[in-house]
Amino acid sequence: MKIRLLTLIFPALVLSCAKLPAHYYEKTLSEENYVENSKDDYVLHYNEGSISKVLVIDGSKQTILDADKNPVKLSDPNKRPYFKTISGQDTVTLYNRRVDFEDVINFRDIGGLKTQDGRQVRWGKIFRSDNLADLKPTDFEKFNNLKIQTVFDLRTESEIKGKEDQLPKNVRYIQAPTVKDNGDMLTQLRGKLLQGEISEDQSFQMITELYQNIVTSDLVSLRELLRNILASDEPVLYHCSAGKDRTGVVTAVILSILDVDRKTIFDEYLMSNYYRRDKLKKIFRKAKLGKIIKPKINLKVIENFMSVDERYLAATFDVIDTQYGGIDLFIKNQLQISDQDREQIIKKLTQEN
């Protein structure tokens, strides 16, 4: 069952290339009831058989929704509405997971995920995204309404140059790179890609090492970042360039601290492919055209760098499990979060479902 709010009609995007492999269109994070946001349009997907009533809360206004009636028009499309589904004595609050901005495509709320003891990560507390260089002034009101007070930029100085975050004036910006700055490494990498000097195996190994370094050689940076994120009493956001690799690892560790099961963590991580699929189609189309001029370009290598793969994250957890004795000991010993502090973090950032 779907309920639409402020329905819009979007033109079809016609691309002159084949569709991506099927897994890019799979919504890996399985949620029985969820909300999708596109521009000013919010769609609630829910299991009609198990729910007796649905409410939408739009600012101070509360409306009972009926799928058979016309869409409900929002009083202010820049303010994020939320839904309440009622089943018997149980009420569940739902927000849109991906927050839609014009050119920021991987902006997500990590709330709503279930923990292993039946609690739920609080909505609206921790956000993850791709870089905010393309956040427009017309997006600022919507951004401010999320009440995000601090943005942590995980990129290095060389990555940021020319692609600085565009943020409202009231937002605190902190550069918090999770890997060492290798200067012109990206320029060198691009040249090697164009010349076909990187094999599929090499690209896989390079990305795997990036992930693993975050929890090994760059552990001090990760520890400090997490300390700041988890200590905040206000909503925060962190991002890297595409919001998928470094951001994906940081999210996986945060969700582990909050006692979310590993399968859900992987499913949430893989959603980057789903949310980035339109951008990936454009990238792969350009790569195919580029191959005409640069025939040594390896399209599979491009895909390895531009997408997420569960094997990358699995390699990170393998290091945590084998070198540190598992996630709980890693949290206690390497991240220096005591059991008591972890309990307080869980209490602050999760709630009873």
Protein backbone atom coordinates (compact mmCIF):
# COMPACT_ATOMS: atom_id res chain seq x y z
CA MET A 1 0.00 0.00 0.00
CA LYS A 2 1.30 3.49 -0.83
CA ILE A 3 0.20 6.93 0.33
CA ARG A 4 1.51 9.88 -1.64
CA LEU A 5 1.98 13.42 -0.37
CA LEU A 6 2.16 16.33 -2.80
CA THR A 7 2.50 14.09 -5.84
CA LEU A 8 4.75 15.38 -8.60
CA ILE A 9 5.27 14.15 -12.14
CA PHE A 10 8.88 13.71 -13.21
CA PRO A 11 10.03 13.29 -16.80
CA ALA A 12 11.67 9.99 -17.63
CA LEU A 13 15.44 10.06 -17.84
CA VAL A 14 16.52 8.57 -21.13
CA LEU A 15 20.08 7.27 -21.25
CA SER A 16 21.88 5.92 -24.25
CA CYS A 17 23.37 2.98 -22.38
CA ALA A 18 22.26 -0.36 -21.06
CA LYS A 19 20.86 -0.67 -17.58
CA LEU A 20 23.14 -1.44 -14.68
CA PRO A 21 23.35 -4.98 -13.33
CA ALA A 22 20.22 -5.97 -11.42
CA HIS A 23 21.72 -5.64 -7.93
CA TYR A 24 21.98 -1.86 -8.32
CA TYR A 25 18.19 -1.70 -8.39
CA GLU A 26 17.74 -3.85 -5.29
CA LYS A 27 16.69 -2.13 -2.09
CA THR A 28 18.99 -4.19 0.13
CA LEU A 29 17.66 -2.77 3.39
CA SER A 30 14.44 -4.68 3.91
CA GLU A 31 11.85 -2.63 5.80
CA GLU A 32 8.21 -3.64 5.92
CA ASN A 33 7.10 -0.03 6.32
CA TYR A 34 9.20 2.85 4.98
CA VAL A 35 9.07 6.37 3.54
CA GLU A 36 10.65 7.63 0.32
CA ASN A 37 11.34 11.29 -0.45
CA SER A 38 11.79 12.80 -3.91
CA LYS A 39 11.79 16.59 -4.12
CA ASP A 40 8.60 17.68 -2.29
CA ASP A 41 6.99 14.26 -2.69
CA TYR A 42 6.80 11.82 0.24
CA VAL A 43 5.53 8.28 -0.23
CA LEU A 44 4.71 5.93 2.63
CA HIS A 45 4.90 2.21 1.81
CA TYR A 46 3.19 0.06 4.41
CA ASN A 47 1.58 -3.30 5.04
CA GLU A 48 -2.11 -2.46 5.03
CA GLY A 49 -3.14 -5.72 6.68
CA SER A 50 -1.21 -5.11 9.90
CA ILE A 51 -1.95 -1.39 10.40
CA SER A 52 -5.24 0.14 11.51
CA LYS A 53 -4.42 3.85 11.21
CA VAL A 54 -1.77 6.09 9.65
CA LEU A 55 -1.04 9.65 10.74
CA VAL A 56 1.16 12.25 9.09
CA ILE A 57 2.63 14.94 11.31
CA ASP A 58 3.45 18.09 9.37
CA GLY A 59 4.78 20.65 11.83
CA SER A 60 2.00 21.08 14.39
CA LYS A 61 -0.59 19.66 12.03
CA GLN A 62 -1.67 16.01 12.35
CA THR A 63 -3.74 14.32 9.64
CA ILE A 64 -5.25 10.84 9.40
CA LEU A 65 -4.29 9.43 6.02
CA ASP A 66 -6.48 7.47 3.68
CA ALA A 67 -4.97 5.75 0.64
CA ASP A 68 -8.23 6.15 -1.27
CA LYS A 69 -8.29 9.94 -0.92
CA ASN A 70 -6.28 12.65 -2.63
CA PRO A 71 -2.67 13.30 -1.57
CA VAL A 72 -2.13 15.56 1.42
CA LYS A 73 -0.46 18.86 0.60
CA LEU A 74 2.34 19.81 2.97
CA SER A 75 2.20 23.21 4.66
CA ASP A 76 5.95 23.67 4.05
CA PRO A 77 7.78 21.21 1.76
CA ASN A 78 11.11 22.23 3.33
CA LYS A 79 10.01 20.83 6.68
CA ARG A 80 10.41 17.10 7.05
CA PRO A 81 7.10 15.40 7.88
CA TYR A 82 6.89 12.07 9.65
CA PHE A 83 4.39 9.28 9.90
CA LYS A 84 2.93 7.22 12.70
CA THR A 85 1.54 3.78 11.95
CA ILE A 86 -0.83 2.39 14.55
CA SER A 87 -1.51 -1.31 15.05
CA GLY A 88 -3.48 -2.16 18.19
CA GLN A 89 -1.57 -0.65 21.11
CA ASP A 90 1.64 -0.25 19.10
CA THR A 91 2.69 2.99 17.40
CA VAL A 92 5.74 3.18 15.13
CA THR A 93 7.28 6.45 13.94
CA LEU A 94 8.64 6.57 10.38
CA TYR A 95 10.73 9.17 8.57
CA ASN A 96 12.20 9.15 5.08
CA ARG A 97 15.64 7.51 5.21
CA ARG A 98 17.10 9.32 2.21
CA VAL A 99 16.69 13.09 2.34
CA ASP A 100 16.39 14.43 -1.19
CA PHE A 101 18.43 17.45 -2.26
CA GLU A 102 18.90 18.69 -5.81
CA ASP A 103 22.49 17.51 -6.34
CA VAL A 104 23.39 15.70 -3.11
CA ILE A 105 22.28 12.15 -3.80
CA ASN A 106 23.43 9.96 -0.92
CA PHE A 107 22.16 11.94 2.08
CA ARG A 108 20.69 9.53 4.63
CA ASP A 109 19.35 9.28 8.17
CA ILE A 110 20.64 6.15 9.93
CA GLY A 111 17.65 6.14 12.29
CA GLY A 112 14.89 3.55 12.40
CA LEU A 113 17.16 0.50 12.36
CA LYS A 114 16.43 -2.22 14.89
CA THR A 115 18.98 -3.22 17.52
CA GLN A 116 19.52 -6.79 18.64
CA ASP A 117 17.59 -6.25 21.88
CA GLY A 118 14.54 -4.85 20.09
CA ARG A 119 15.24 -1.14 20.41
CA GLN A 120 15.39 1.28 17.48
CA VAL A 121 18.02 3.82 16.46
CA ARG A 122 16.56 7.29 16.93
CA TRP A 123 15.59 9.20 13.83
CA GLY A 124 17.07 12.61 13.15
CA LYS A 125 20.21 12.26 15.28
CA ILE A 126 22.92 10.99 12.91
CA PHE A 127 23.07 11.65 9.18
CA ARG A 128 25.54 10.44 6.54
CA SER A 129 26.05 11.82 3.04
CA ASP A 130 28.23 12.41 0.02
CA ASN A 131 30.17 15.68 -0.17
CA LEU A 132 28.20 18.91 0.16
CA ALA A 133 30.02 20.93 -2.48
CA ASP A 134 26.84 20.91 -4.57
CA LEU A 135 24.47 21.85 -1.76
CA LYS A 136 22.68 24.91 -3.09
CA PRO A 137 21.42 28.00 -1.21
CA THR A 138 17.92 26.87 -2.19
CA ASP A 139 18.61 23.69 -0.17
CA PHE A 140 19.64 25.55 2.98
CA GLU A 141 16.17 25.89 4.50
CA LYS A 142 15.52 22.17 4.15
CA PHE A 143 18.98 21.42 5.54
CA ASN A 144 18.47 23.76 8.50
CA ASN A 145 15.15 22.14 9.31
CA LEU A 146 17.02 18.89 10.00
CA LYS A 147 18.64 20.82 12.89
CA ILE A 148 22.12 19.53 12.01
CA GLN A 149 24.58 21.56 14.08
CA THR A 150 27.90 20.01 13.05
CA VAL A 151 29.26 18.55 9.80
CA PHE A 152 32.33 16.30 9.90
CA ASP A 153 34.19 16.19 6.58
CA LEU A 154 36.16 12.94 6.28
CA ARG A 155 38.02 14.06 3.15
CA THR A 156 41.67 15.08 2.98
CA GLU A 157 42.87 18.59 2.13
CA SER A 158 43.71 17.63 -1.45
CA GLU A 159 40.22 16.17 -1.96
CA ILE A 160 38.50 19.23 -0.54
CA LYS A 161 40.37 21.78 -2.69
CA GLY A 162 37.93 23.15 -5.24
CA LYS A 163 35.09 21.07 -3.80
CA GLU A 164 34.50 22.80 -0.48
CA ASP A 165 31.26 22.12 1.38
CA GLN A 166 28.56 24.74 0.86
CA LEU A 167 26.81 25.08 4.21
CA PRO A 168 24.42 27.47 5.94
CA LYS A 169 26.30 29.97 8.11
CA ASN A 170 25.03 28.57 11.40
CA VAL A 171 26.48 25.08 10.81
CA ARG A 172 29.78 24.15 12.44
CA TYR A 173 32.25 22.56 10.01
CA ILE A 174 35.02 20.20 11.18
CA GLN A 175 37.53 18.57 8.88
CA ALA A 176 38.16 15.08 10.25
CA PRO A 177 40.02 12.99 7.64
CA THR A 178 39.93 9.26 8.35
CA VAL A 179 42.87 8.47 6.06
CA LYS A 180 46.23 10.13 5.44
CA ASP A 181 46.52 12.77 2.73
CA ASN A 182 48.56 11.33 -0.15
CA GLY A 183 48.59 14.55 -2.14
CA ASP A 184 48.32 13.86 -5.85
CA MET A 185 47.43 10.18 -5.40
CA LEU A 186 44.02 10.70 -7.03
CA THR A 187 45.61 12.36 -10.07
CA GLN A 188 48.06 9.48 -10.41
CA LEU A 189 45.25 6.97 -9.98
CA ARG A 190 43.20 8.60 -12.72
CA GLY A 191 46.15 8.38 -15.11
CA LYS A 192 46.66 4.71 -14.34
CA LEU A 193 42.97 4.01 -14.87
CA LEU A 194 43.02 5.66 -18.30
CA GLN A 195 46.07 3.64 -19.30
CA GLY A 196 44.62 0.37 -18.05
CA GLU A 197 47.48 -0.05 -15.59
CA ILE A 198 45.25 -1.24 -12.75
CA SER A 199 43.78 -4.74 -12.88
CA GLU A 200 40.51 -5.87 -11.31
CA ASP A 201 42.39 -7.68 -8.55
CA GLN A 202 44.57 -4.64 -7.87
CA SER A 203 41.58 -2.32 -7.66
CA PHE A 204 39.84 -4.69 -5.26
CA GLN A 205 42.97 -4.85 -3.10
CA MET A 206 43.40 -1.07 -3.08
CA ILE A 207 39.86 -0.46 -1.90
CA THR A 208 40.03 -3.26 0.65
CA GLU A 209 43.20 -1.75 2.12
CA LEU A 210 41.53 1.66 2.32
CA TYR A 211 38.73 0.15 4.38
CA GLN A 212 41.04 -1.84 6.62
CA ASN A 213 43.38 1.09 7.22
CA ILE A 214 40.53 3.04 8.81
CA VAL A 215 40.41 0.50 11.66
CA THR A 216 44.17 -0.14 11.82
CA SER A 217 46.79 2.43 10.79
CA ASP A 218 44.30 5.32 10.89
CA LEU A 219 42.56 4.14 14.06
CA VAL A 220 43.43 7.27 16.07
CA SER A 221 41.51 9.45 13.59
CA LEU A 222 38.52 7.11 13.70
CA ARG A 223 38.51 7.09 17.50
CA GLU A 224 38.53 10.88 17.72
CA LEU A 225 35.81 11.22 15.08
CA LEU A 226 33.52 8.75 16.84
CA ARG A 227 34.11 10.41 20.19
CA ASN A 228 32.90 13.72 18.76
CA ILE A 229 29.93 12.25 16.91
CA LEU A 230 28.68 10.16 19.81
CA ALA A 231 29.17 12.92 22.38
CA SER A 232 26.96 15.38 20.51
CA ASP A 233 23.55 16.17 21.94
CA GLU A 234 22.53 17.79 18.66
CA PRO A 235 22.05 16.18 15.23
CA VAL A 236 25.30 15.68 13.31
CA LEU A 237 26.33 14.71 9.79
CA TYR A 238 29.52 13.14 8.46
CA HIS A 239 30.55 12.58 4.85
CA CYS A 240 33.44 11.76 2.53
CA SER A 241 33.40 12.27 -1.25
CA ALA A 242 30.74 9.85 -2.48
CA GLY A 243 29.39 8.96 0.96
CA LYS A 244 30.00 5.27 0.44
CA ASP A 245 33.45 4.00 1.52
CA ARG A 246 34.87 5.93 4.48
CA THR A 247 31.37 7.04 5.39
CA GLY A 248 30.23 3.43 5.04
CA VAL A 249 32.89 2.15 7.45
CA VAL A 250 32.16 4.87 10.02
CA THR A 251 28.44 4.08 9.82
CA ALA A 252 29.11 0.36 10.22
CA VAL A 253 31.14 1.01 13.39
CA ILE A 254 28.53 3.39 14.83
CA LEU A 255 25.73 0.89 14.22
CA SER A 256 27.88 -1.83 15.79
CA ILE A 257 28.32 0.32 18.90
CA LEU A 258 24.52 0.71 19.00
CA ASP A 259 24.15 -3.10 18.83
CA VAL A 260 22.59 -3.34 15.37
CA ASP A 261 23.11 -6.81 13.87
CA ARG A 262 25.73 -7.26 11.20
CA LYS A 263 23.33 -8.28 8.41
CA THR A 264 21.38 -5.04 8.83
CA ILE A 265 24.67 -3.11 8.87
CA PHE A 266 25.66 -4.67 5.54
CA ASP A 267 22.22 -4.05 4.06
CA GLU A 268 22.37 -0.37 5.06
CA TYR A 269 25.89 -0.07 3.64
CA LEU A 270 24.88 -1.55 0.27
CA MET A 271 22.07 0.99 -0.11
CA SER A 272 24.69 3.38 -1.53
CA ASN A 273 24.50 1.45 -4.81
CA TYR A 274 20.72 1.83 -4.83
CA TYR A 275 20.74 5.56 -4.08
CA ARG A 276 23.63 6.27 -6.48
CA ARG A 277 22.35 4.18 -9.38
CA ASP A 278 21.43 7.11 -11.65
CA LYS A 279 24.82 8.72 -11.10
CA LEU A 280 26.54 5.38 -11.70
CA LYS A 281 24.72 4.96 -15.01
CA LYS A 282 26.12 8.29 -16.16
CA ILE A 283 29.62 7.39 -14.96
CA PHE A 284 29.57 4.02 -16.73
CA ARG A 285 28.18 5.59 -19.90
CA LYS A 286 31.08 8.07 -19.95
CA ALA A 287 33.53 5.25 -19.24
CA LYS A 288 32.19 3.27 -22.22
CA LEU A 289 32.53 6.30 -24.47
CA GLY A 290 36.01 6.93 -23.09
CA LYS A 291 37.01 3.39 -23.94
CA ILE A 292 36.66 4.26 -27.62
CA ILE A 293 39.50 6.77 -27.22
CA LYS A 294 41.33 4.96 -24.42
CA PRO A 295 40.77 1.26 -25.24
CA LYS A 296 42.83 0.12 -22.24
CA ILE A 297 40.23 1.42 -19.79
CA ASN A 298 38.94 -1.51 -17.73
CA LEU A 299 35.24 -0.99 -17.07
CA LYS A 300 35.20 -3.49 -14.22
CA VAL A 301 37.95 -1.54 -12.46
CA ILE A 302 35.87 1.63 -12.84
CA GLU A 303 32.91 -0.20 -11.32
CA ASN A 304 35.03 -1.42 -8.40
CA PHE A 305 36.04 2.13 -7.53
CA MET A 306 32.64 3.73 -8.09
CA SER A 307 30.38 1.26 -6.24
CA VAL A 308 30.23 -0.52 -2.91
CA ASP A 309 30.75 -4.24 -2.48
CA GLU A 310 29.97 -6.29 0.61
CA ARG A 311 33.44 -7.86 0.32
CA TYR A 312 35.05 -4.50 1.16
CA LEU A 313 33.12 -4.16 4.40
CA ALA A 314 33.54 -7.87 5.16
CA ALA A 315 37.31 -7.41 4.96
CA THR A 316 37.06 -4.63 7.53
CA PHE A 317 35.11 -6.78 9.94
CA ASP A 318 37.56 -9.64 9.31
CA VAL A 319 40.35 -7.42 10.64
CA ILE A 320 38.25 -6.43 13.64
CA ASP A 321 37.39 -10.06 14.38
CA THR A 322 40.83 -11.59 13.84
CA GLN A 323 43.18 -8.86 15.09
CA TYR A 324 41.08 -7.40 17.89
CA GLY A 325 38.98 -10.34 19.05
CA GLY A 326 35.62 -9.18 17.73
CA ILE A 327 33.56 -6.02 17.61
CA ASP A 328 32.86 -5.77 21.35
CA LEU A 329 36.54 -5.92 22.28
CA PHE A 330 37.38 -3.53 19.44
CA ILE A 331 34.88 -1.02 20.82
CA LYS A 332 36.22 -1.40 24.35
CA ASN A 333 39.96 -1.58 23.69
CA GLN A 334 40.68 0.16 20.37
CA LEU A 335 37.91 2.78 20.46
CA GLN A 336 38.30 3.11 24.24
CA ILE A 337 34.56 3.07 24.89
CA SER A 338 33.86 1.33 28.19
CA ASP A 339 30.85 -0.94 28.65
CA GLN A 340 29.26 1.71 30.85
CA ASP A 341 29.85 4.47 28.30
CA ARG A 342 28.50 2.26 25.54
CA GLU A 343 25.33 1.66 27.53
CA GLN A 344 24.86 5.41 27.87
CA ILE A 345 25.46 5.93 24.15
CA ILE A 346 22.88 3.26 23.32
CA LYS A 347 20.41 4.83 25.73
CA LYS A 348 20.90 8.26 24.13
CA LEU A 349 20.78 7.21 20.48
CA THR A 350 18.18 4.42 20.58
CA GLN A 351 14.68 4.10 21.94
CA GLU A 352 12.17 1.40 22.73
CA ASN A 353 10.37 0.31 19.60
